[in-house]
Amino acid sequence: MGKYVKLVILAFSLAAALAISGCTKYASDEDMKQLSDLKAQVTSLETEISKLKADKAGLEKMVAEKNGKLKQCQSDQEAVKKAMGK
């Protein structure tokens, strides 16, 4: 019987704590403003991510072009060395 009483007291205490804390199913104006601010921040960050991805793609293309030119220069250098007999 003692366990049952403790369980009832615990349940009542939990229910009272929830009631006192002001839990509602509606968000306050402050909560809605925070949500709106966070949504704006997410949108801004997503835009920045898209821009950075485009920048990254451009840089990767530039690196690939430079690597192609480097390989061509190395190939030309090897051809010149062979032509000179080295």
PDB file of N, CA and C in Angstrom:
ATOM      1  N   MET A   1       0.820  -1.184   0.000  1.00  0.00           N
ATOM      2  CA  MET A   1       0.000   0.000   0.000  1.00  0.00           C
ATOM      3  C   MET A   1       0.869   1.255   0.000  1.00  0.00           C
ATOM      4  N   GLY A   2       2.036   1.210   0.601  1.00  0.00           N
ATOM      5  CA  GLY A   2       2.941   2.352   0.666  1.00  0.00           C
ATOM      6  C   GLY A   2       3.437   2.760  -0.715  1.00  0.00           C
ATOM      7  N   LYS A   3       3.691   1.774  -1.574  1.00  0.00           N
ATOM      8  CA  LYS A   3       4.126   2.068  -2.936  1.00  0.00           C
ATOM      9  C   LYS A   3       3.040   2.814  -3.683  1.00  0.00           C
ATOM     10  N   TYR A   4       1.819   2.392  -3.479  1.00  0.00           N
ATOM     11  CA  TYR A   4       0.687   3.004  -4.181  1.00  0.00           C
ATOM     12  C   TYR A   4       0.548   4.466  -3.773  1.00  0.00           C
ATOM     13  N   VAL A   5       0.689   4.777  -2.507  1.00  0.00           N
ATOM     14  CA  VAL A   5       0.572   6.150  -2.004  1.00  0.00           C
ATOM     15  C   VAL A   5       1.697   7.009  -2.581  1.00  0.00           C
ATOM     16  N   LYS A   6       2.911   6.485  -2.594  1.00  0.00           N
ATOM     17  CA  LYS A   6       4.047   7.220  -3.146  1.00  0.00           C
ATOM     18  C   LYS A   6       3.829   7.502  -4.637  1.00  0.00           C
ATOM     19  N   LEU A   7       3.295   6.529  -5.351  1.00  0.00           N
ATOM     20  CA  LEU A   7       3.039   6.703  -6.771  1.00  0.00           C
ATOM     21  C   LEU A   7       1.980   7.771  -7.016  1.00  0.00           C
ATOM     22  N   VAL A   8       0.941   7.780  -6.215  1.00  0.00           N
ATOM     23  CA  VAL A   8      -0.126   8.785  -6.347  1.00  0.00           C
ATOM     24  C   VAL A   8       0.432  10.172  -6.032  1.00  0.00           C
ATOM     25  N   ILE A   9       1.240  10.265  -4.990  1.00  0.00           N
ATOM     26  CA  ILE A   9       1.833  11.561  -4.611  1.00  0.00           C
ATOM     27  C   ILE A   9       2.768  12.046  -5.722  1.00  0.00           C
ATOM     28  N   LEU A  10       3.553  11.149  -6.290  1.00  0.00           N
ATOM     29  CA  LEU A  10       4.458  11.507  -7.377  1.00  0.00           C
ATOM     30  C   LEU A  10       3.678  11.986  -8.598  1.00  0.00           C
ATOM     31  N   ALA A  11       2.624  11.280  -8.947  1.00  0.00           N
ATOM     32  CA  ALA A  11       1.802  11.667 -10.088  1.00  0.00           C
ATOM     33  C   ALA A  11       1.141  13.021  -9.843  1.00  0.00           C
ATOM     34  N   PHE A  12       0.623  13.227  -8.638  1.00  0.00           N
ATOM     35  CA  PHE A  12      -0.006  14.507  -8.301  1.00  0.00           C
ATOM     36  C   PHE A  12       1.015  15.636  -8.353  1.00  0.00           C
ATOM     37  N   SER A  13       2.214  15.394  -7.850  1.00  0.00           N
ATOM     38  CA  SER A  13       3.268  16.410  -7.869  1.00  0.00           C
ATOM     39  C   SER A  13       3.656  16.773  -9.303  1.00  0.00           C
ATOM     40  N   LEU A  14       3.756  15.776 -10.137  1.00  0.00           N
ATOM     41  CA  LEU A  14       4.092  16.006 -11.543  1.00  0.00           C
ATOM     42  C   LEU A  14       2.999  16.810 -12.237  1.00  0.00           C
ATOM     43  N   ALA A  15       1.746  16.454 -11.995  1.00  0.00           N
ATOM     44  CA  ALA A  15       0.621  17.173 -12.590  1.00  0.00           C
ATOM     45  C   ALA A  15       0.588  18.612 -12.095  1.00  0.00           C
ATOM     46  N   ALA A  16       0.844  18.825 -10.821  1.00  0.00           N
ATOM     47  CA  ALA A  16       0.854  20.177 -10.261  1.00  0.00           C
ATOM     48  C   ALA A  16       1.990  20.997 -10.859  1.00  0.00           C
ATOM     49  N   ALA A  17       3.141  20.397 -11.020  1.00  0.00           N
ATOM     50  CA  ALA A  17       4.288  21.109 -11.600  1.00  0.00           C
ATOM     51  C   ALA A  17       3.985  21.534 -13.031  1.00  0.00           C
ATOM     52  N   LEU A  18       3.367  20.664 -13.802  1.00  0.00           N
ATOM     53  CA  LEU A  18       3.002  21.004 -15.176  1.00  0.00           C
ATOM     54  C   LEU A  18       1.960  22.119 -15.216  1.00  0.00           C
ATOM     55  N   ALA A  19       0.996  22.071 -14.327  1.00  0.00           N
ATOM     56  CA  ALA A  19      -0.053  23.098 -14.282  1.00  0.00           C
ATOM     57  C   ALA A  19       0.527  24.444 -13.882  1.00  0.00           C
ATOM     58  N   ILE A  20       1.438  24.443 -12.933  1.00  0.00           N
ATOM     59  CA  ILE A  20       2.042  25.684 -12.451  1.00  0.00           C
ATOM     60  C   ILE A  20       2.964  26.292 -13.502  1.00  0.00           C
ATOM     61  N   SER A  21       3.628  25.453 -14.280  1.00  0.00           N
ATOM     62  CA  SER A  21       4.599  25.960 -15.253  1.00  0.00           C
ATOM     63  C   SER A  21       3.939  26.673 -16.423  1.00  0.00           C
ATOM     64  N   GLY A  22       2.636  26.603 -16.547  1.00  0.00           N
ATOM     65  CA  GLY A  22       1.938  27.348 -17.586  1.00  0.00           C
ATOM     66  C   GLY A  22       2.024  26.702 -18.951  1.00  0.00           C
ATOM     67  N   CYS A  23       2.054  25.432 -19.027  1.00  0.00           N
ATOM     68  CA  CYS A  23       2.096  24.745 -20.305  1.00  0.00           C
ATOM     69  C   CYS A  23       0.778  24.963 -21.039  1.00  0.00           C
ATOM     70  N   THR A  24       0.893  25.425 -22.263  1.00  0.00           N
ATOM     71  CA  THR A  24      -0.296  25.583 -23.090  1.00  0.00           C
ATOM     72  C   THR A  24      -0.009  25.002 -24.454  1.00  0.00           C
ATOM     73  N   LYS A  25      -1.055  24.805 -25.220  1.00  0.00           N
ATOM     74  CA  LYS A  25      -0.849  24.279 -26.561  1.00  0.00           C
ATOM     75  C   LYS A  25      -0.622  25.408 -27.560  1.00  0.00           C
ATOM     76  N   TYR A  26      -0.646  26.650 -27.094  1.00  0.00           N
ATOM     77  CA  TYR A  26      -0.448  27.805 -27.957  1.00  0.00           C
ATOM     78  C   TYR A  26       0.909  28.448 -27.675  1.00  0.00           C
ATOM     79  N   ALA A  27       1.550  28.921 -28.725  1.00  0.00           N
ATOM     80  CA  ALA A  27       2.837  29.589 -28.565  1.00  0.00           C
ATOM     81  C   ALA A  27       2.606  31.060 -28.231  1.00  0.00           C
ATOM     82  N   SER A  28       3.489  31.606 -27.410  1.00  0.00           N
ATOM     83  CA  SER A  28       3.380  33.020 -27.056  1.00  0.00           C
ATOM     84  C   SER A  28       3.894  33.876 -28.217  1.00  0.00           C
ATOM     85  N   ASP A  29       3.623  35.177 -28.135  1.00  0.00           N
ATOM     86  CA  ASP A  29       4.117  36.089 -29.172  1.00  0.00           C
ATOM     87  C   ASP A  29       5.635  36.055 -29.247  1.00  0.00           C
ATOM     88  N   GLU A  30       6.270  35.941 -28.087  1.00  0.00           N
ATOM     89  CA  GLU A  30       7.738  35.875 -28.046  1.00  0.00           C
ATOM     90  C   GLU A  30       8.233  34.598 -28.742  1.00  0.00           C
ATOM     91  N   ASP A  31       7.554  33.483 -28.486  1.00  0.00           N
ATOM     92  CA  ASP A  31       7.914  32.225 -29.138  1.00  0.00           C
ATOM     93  C   ASP A  31       7.748  32.329 -30.652  1.00  0.00           C
ATOM     94  N   MET A  32       6.675  32.970 -31.095  1.00  0.00           N
ATOM     95  CA  MET A  32       6.426  33.118 -32.527  1.00  0.00           C
ATOM     96  C   MET A  32       7.482  34.015 -33.167  1.00  0.00           C
ATOM     97  N   LYS A  33       7.899  35.073 -32.447  1.00  0.00           N
ATOM     98  CA  LYS A  33       8.945  35.950 -32.971  1.00  0.00           C
ATOM     99  C   LYS A  33      10.260  35.196 -33.076  1.00  0.00           C
ATOM    100  N   GLN A  34      10.583  34.404 -32.060  1.00  0.00           N
ATOM    101  CA  GLN A  34      11.809  33.604 -32.102  1.00  0.00           C
ATOM    102  C   GLN A  34      11.756  32.627 -33.272  1.00  0.00           C
ATOM    103  N   LEU A  35      10.607  32.008 -33.481  1.00  0.00           N
ATOM    104  CA  LEU A  35      10.453  31.071 -34.588  1.00  0.00           C
ATOM    105  C   LEU A  35      10.631  31.787 -35.922  1.00  0.00           C
ATOM    106  N   SER A  36      10.035  32.953 -36.044  1.00  0.00           N
ATOM    107  CA  SER A  36      10.160  33.739 -37.265  1.00  0.00           C
ATOM    108  C   SER A  36      11.614  34.139 -37.507  1.00  0.00           C
ATOM    109  N   ASP A  37      12.289  34.567 -36.441  1.00  0.00           N
ATOM    110  CA  ASP A  37      13.702  34.939 -36.556  1.00  0.00           C
ATOM    111  C   ASP A  37      14.547  33.746 -36.975  1.00  0.00           C
ATOM    112  N   LEU A  38      14.261  32.588 -36.401  1.00  0.00           N
ATOM    113  CA  LEU A  38      15.020  31.383 -36.750  1.00  0.00           C
ATOM    114  C   LEU A  38      14.771  30.976 -38.200  1.00  0.00           C
ATOM    115  N   LYS A  39      13.517  31.100 -38.652  1.00  0.00           N
ATOM    116  CA  LYS A  39      13.215  30.774 -40.047  1.00  0.00           C
ATOM    117  C   LYS A  39      13.965  31.710 -40.983  1.00  0.00           C
ATOM    118  N   ALA A  40      14.029  33.000 -40.645  1.00  0.00           N
ATOM    119  CA  ALA A  40      14.765  33.963 -41.465  1.00  0.00           C
ATOM    120  C   ALA A  40      16.250  33.625 -41.475  1.00  0.00           C
ATOM    121  N   GLN A  41      16.763  33.226 -40.331  1.00  0.00           N
ATOM    122  CA  GLN A  41      18.176  32.852 -40.241  1.00  0.00           C
ATOM    123  C   GLN A  41      18.458  31.605 -41.075  1.00  0.00           C
ATOM    124  N   VAL A  42      17.565  30.637 -41.032  1.00  0.00           N
ATOM    125  CA  VAL A  42      17.722  29.414 -41.829  1.00  0.00           C
ATOM    126  C   VAL A  42      17.735  29.761 -43.311  1.00  0.00           C
ATOM    127  N   THR A  43      16.811  30.616 -43.737  1.00  0.00           N
ATOM    128  CA  THR A  43      16.752  31.021 -45.136  1.00  0.00           C
ATOM    129  C   THR A  43      18.045  31.711 -45.547  1.00  0.00           C
ATOM    130  N   SER A  44      18.536  32.603 -44.698  1.00  0.00           N
ATOM    131  CA  SER A  44      19.781  33.313 -44.975  1.00  0.00           C
ATOM    132  C   SER A  44      20.953  32.340 -45.089  1.00  0.00           C
ATOM    133  N   LEU A  45      21.021  31.393 -44.168  1.00  0.00           N
ATOM    134  CA  LEU A  45      22.111  30.414 -44.187  1.00  0.00           C
ATOM    135  C   LEU A  45      22.015  29.498 -45.400  1.00  0.00           C
ATOM    136  N   GLU A  46      20.798  29.123 -45.796  1.00  0.00           N
ATOM    137  CA  GLU A  46      20.639  28.284 -46.985  1.00  0.00           C
ATOM    138  C   GLU A  46      21.092  29.030 -48.238  1.00  0.00           C
ATOM    139  N   THR A  47      20.786  30.332 -48.299  1.00  0.00           N
ATOM    140  CA  THR A  47      21.229  31.153 -49.429  1.00  0.00           C
ATOM    141  C   THR A  47      22.756  31.227 -49.458  1.00  0.00           C
ATOM    142  N   GLU A  48      23.341  31.423 -48.278  1.00  0.00           N
ATOM    143  CA  GLU A  48      24.801  31.484 -48.186  1.00  0.00           C
ATOM    144  C   GLU A  48      25.429  30.152 -48.589  1.00  0.00           C
ATOM    145  N   ILE A  49      24.827  29.047 -48.185  1.00  0.00           N
ATOM    146  CA  ILE A  49      25.329  27.721 -48.553  1.00  0.00           C
ATOM    147  C   ILE A  49      25.292  27.548 -50.066  1.00  0.00           C
ATOM    148  N   SER A  50      24.196  27.963 -50.689  1.00  0.00           N
ATOM    149  CA  SER A  50      24.083  27.849 -52.143  1.00  0.00           C
ATOM    150  C   SER A  50      25.170  28.661 -52.838  1.00  0.00           C
ATOM    151  N   LYS A  51      25.406  29.870 -52.343  1.00  0.00           N
ATOM    152  CA  LYS A  51      26.440  30.727 -52.928  1.00  0.00           C
ATOM    153  C   LYS A  51      27.815  30.087 -52.763  1.00  0.00           C
ATOM    154  N   LEU A  52      28.081  29.570 -51.582  1.00  0.00           N
ATOM    155  CA  LEU A  52      29.386  28.949 -51.334  1.00  0.00           C
ATOM    156  C   LEU A  52      29.581  27.687 -52.172  1.00  0.00           C
ATOM    157  N   LYS A  53      28.495  26.925 -52.381  1.00  0.00           N
ATOM    158  CA  LYS A  53      28.598  25.740 -53.237  1.00  0.00           C
ATOM    159  C   LYS A  53      28.913  26.140 -54.674  1.00  0.00           C
ATOM    160  N   ALA A  54      28.289  27.235 -55.135  1.00  0.00           N
ATOM    161  CA  ALA A  54      28.566  27.722 -56.491  1.00  0.00           C
ATOM    162  C   ALA A  54      30.018  28.195 -56.592  1.00  0.00           C
ATOM    163  N   ASP A  55      30.489  28.907 -55.557  1.00  0.00           N
ATOM    164  CA  ASP A  55      31.886  29.347 -55.532  1.00  0.00           C
ATOM    165  C   ASP A  55      32.832  28.153 -55.554  1.00  0.00           C
ATOM    166  N   LYS A  56      32.494  27.127 -54.776  1.00  0.00           N
ATOM    167  CA  LYS A  56      33.321  25.914 -54.721  1.00  0.00           C
ATOM    168  C   LYS A  56      33.380  25.246 -56.080  1.00  0.00           C
ATOM    169  N   ALA A  57      32.235  25.149 -56.758  1.00  0.00           N
ATOM    170  CA  ALA A  57      32.200  24.531 -58.083  1.00  0.00           C
ATOM    171  C   ALA A  57      33.066  25.320 -59.061  1.00  0.00           C
ATOM    172  N   GLY A  58      32.993  26.653 -58.975  1.00  0.00           N
ATOM    173  CA  GLY A  58      33.824  27.490 -59.845  1.00  0.00           C
ATOM    174  C   GLY A  58      35.302  27.285 -59.575  1.00  0.00           C
ATOM    175  N   LEU A  59      35.667  27.204 -58.307  1.00  0.00           N
ATOM    176  CA  LEU A  59      37.069  26.983 -57.949  1.00  0.00           C
ATOM    177  C   LEU A  59      37.552  25.598 -58.386  1.00  0.00           C
ATOM    178  N   GLU A  60      36.685  24.589 -58.219  1.00  0.00           N
ATOM    179  CA  GLU A  60      37.066  23.235 -58.660  1.00  0.00           C
ATOM    180  C   GLU A  60      37.277  23.196 -60.172  1.00  0.00           C
ATOM    181  N   LYS A  61      36.442  23.924 -60.911  1.00  0.00           N
ATOM    182  CA  LYS A  61      36.607  23.989 -62.367  1.00  0.00           C
ATOM    183  C   LYS A  61      37.932  24.663 -62.716  1.00  0.00           C
ATOM    184  N   MET A  62      38.252  25.754 -62.007  1.00  0.00           N
ATOM    185  CA  MET A  62      39.503  26.467 -62.244  1.00  0.00           C
ATOM    186  C   MET A  62      40.699  25.567 -61.943  1.00  0.00           C
ATOM    187  N   VAL A  63      40.638  24.824 -60.851  1.00  0.00           N
ATOM    188  CA  VAL A  63      41.729  23.912 -60.493  1.00  0.00           C
ATOM    189  C   VAL A  63      41.883  22.832 -61.563  1.00  0.00           C
ATOM    190  N   ALA A  64      40.760  22.302 -62.044  1.00  0.00           N
ATOM    191  CA  ALA A  64      40.830  21.281 -63.093  1.00  0.00           C
ATOM    192  C   ALA A  64      41.474  21.840 -64.360  1.00  0.00           C
ATOM    193  N   GLU A  65      41.124  23.074 -64.721  1.00  0.00           N
ATOM    194  CA  GLU A  65      41.735  23.704 -65.901  1.00  0.00           C
ATOM    195  C   GLU A  65      43.235  23.900 -65.701  1.00  0.00           C
ATOM    196  N   LYS A  66      43.630  24.367 -64.516  1.00  0.00           N
ATOM    197  CA  LYS A  66      45.054  24.574 -64.215  1.00  0.00           C
ATOM    198  C   LYS A  66      45.799  23.244 -64.238  1.00  0.00           C
ATOM    199  N   ASN A  67      45.177  22.187 -63.686  1.00  0.00           N
ATOM    200  CA  ASN A  67      45.815  20.866 -63.708  1.00  0.00           C
ATOM    201  C   ASN A  67      45.987  20.370 -65.133  1.00  0.00           C
ATOM    202  N   GLY A  68      44.995  20.628 -65.983  1.00  0.00           N
ATOM    203  CA  GLY A  68      45.110  20.241 -67.393  1.00  0.00           C
ATOM    204  C   GLY A  68      46.264  20.971 -68.076  1.00  0.00           C
ATOM    205  N   LYS A  69      46.383  22.280 -67.811  1.00  0.00           N
ATOM    206  CA  LYS A  69      47.485  23.053 -68.387  1.00  0.00           C
ATOM    207  C   LYS A  69      48.827  22.567 -67.858  1.00  0.00           C
ATOM    208  N   LEU A  70      48.874  22.224 -66.563  1.00  0.00           N
ATOM    209  CA  LEU A  70      50.105  21.717 -65.960  1.00  0.00           C
ATOM    210  C   LEU A  70      50.519  20.400 -66.614  1.00  0.00           C
ATOM    211  N   LYS A  71      49.558  19.499 -66.822  1.00  0.00           N
ATOM    212  CA  LYS A  71      49.871  18.224 -67.477  1.00  0.00           C
ATOM    213  C   LYS A  71      50.372  18.458 -68.896  1.00  0.00           C
ATOM    214  N   GLN A  72      49.756  19.405 -69.594  1.00  0.00           N
ATOM    215  CA  GLN A  72      50.185  19.700 -70.955  1.00  0.00           C
ATOM    216  C   GLN A  72      51.608  20.258 -70.950  1.00  0.00           C
ATOM    217  N   CYS A  73      51.914  21.148 -69.991  1.00  0.00           N
ATOM    218  CA  CYS A  73      53.265  21.700 -69.882  1.00  0.00           C
ATOM    219  C   CYS A  73      54.289  20.603 -69.574  1.00  0.00           C
ATOM    220  N   GLN A  74      53.920  19.689 -68.671  1.00  0.00           N
ATOM    221  CA  GLN A  74      54.823  18.587 -68.332  1.00  0.00           C
ATOM    222  C   GLN A  74      55.047  17.693 -69.543  1.00  0.00           C
ATOM    223  N   SER A  75      53.992  17.440 -70.292  1.00  0.00           N
ATOM    224  CA  SER A  75      54.103  16.630 -71.502  1.00  0.00           C
ATOM    225  C   SER A  75      55.003  17.319 -72.527  1.00  0.00           C
ATOM    226  N   ASP A  76      54.814  18.631 -72.699  1.00  0.00           N
ATOM    227  CA  ASP A  76      55.658  19.390 -73.629  1.00  0.00           C
ATOM    228  C   ASP A  76      57.107  19.383 -73.175  1.00  0.00           C
ATOM    229  N   GLN A  77      57.319  19.499 -71.866  1.00  0.00           N
ATOM    230  CA  GLN A  77      58.667  19.496 -71.315  1.00  0.00           C
ATOM    231  C   GLN A  77      59.348  18.151 -71.585  1.00  0.00           C
ATOM    232  N   GLU A  78      58.615  17.069 -71.383  1.00  0.00           N
ATOM    233  CA  GLU A  78      59.170  15.735 -71.631  1.00  0.00           C
ATOM    234  C   GLU A  78      59.508  15.573 -73.122  1.00  0.00           C
ATOM    235  N   ALA A  79      58.647  16.081 -73.986  1.00  0.00           N
ATOM    236  CA  ALA A  79      58.893  15.987 -75.426  1.00  0.00           C
ATOM    237  C   ALA A  79      60.153  16.776 -75.810  1.00  0.00           C
ATOM    238  N   VAL A  80      60.362  17.945 -75.218  1.00  0.00           N
ATOM    239  CA  VAL A  80      61.538  18.755 -75.503  1.00  0.00           C
ATOM    240  C   VAL A  80      62.780  18.046 -75.007  1.00  0.00           C
ATOM    241  N   LYS A  81      62.705  17.435 -73.799  1.00  0.00           N
ATOM    242  CA  LYS A  81      63.871  16.715 -73.251  1.00  0.00           C
ATOM    243  C   LYS A  81      64.232  15.552 -74.163  1.00  0.00           C
ATOM    244  N   LYS A  82      63.233  14.822 -74.676  1.00  0.00           N
ATOM    245  CA  LYS A  82      63.506  13.697 -75.562  1.00  0.00           C
ATOM    246  C   LYS A  82      64.097  14.189 -76.877  1.00  0.00           C
ATOM    247  N   ALA A  83      63.592  15.312 -77.353  1.00  0.00           N
ATOM    248  CA  ALA A  83      64.109  15.847 -78.622  1.00  0.00           C
ATOM    249  C   ALA A  83      65.558  16.329 -78.474  1.00  0.00           C
ATOM    250  N   MET A  84      65.915  16.769 -77.284  1.00  0.00           N
ATOM    251  CA  MET A  84      67.272  17.239 -77.034  1.00  0.00           C
ATOM    252  C   MET A  84      68.196  16.089 -76.687  1.00  0.00           C
ATOM    253  N   GLY A  85      67.643  14.920 -76.520  1.00  0.00           N
ATOM    254  CA  GLY A  85      68.450  13.734 -76.234  1.00  0.00           C
ATOM    255  C   GLY A  85      68.803  13.574 -74.765  1.00  0.00           C
ATOM    256  N   LYS A  86      68.018  14.130 -73.890  1.00  0.00           N
ATOM    257  CA  LYS A  86      68.305  14.008 -72.454  1.00  0.00           C
ATOM    258  C   LYS A  86      67.498  12.937 -71.819  1.00  0.00           C
TER     259      LYS A  86
END
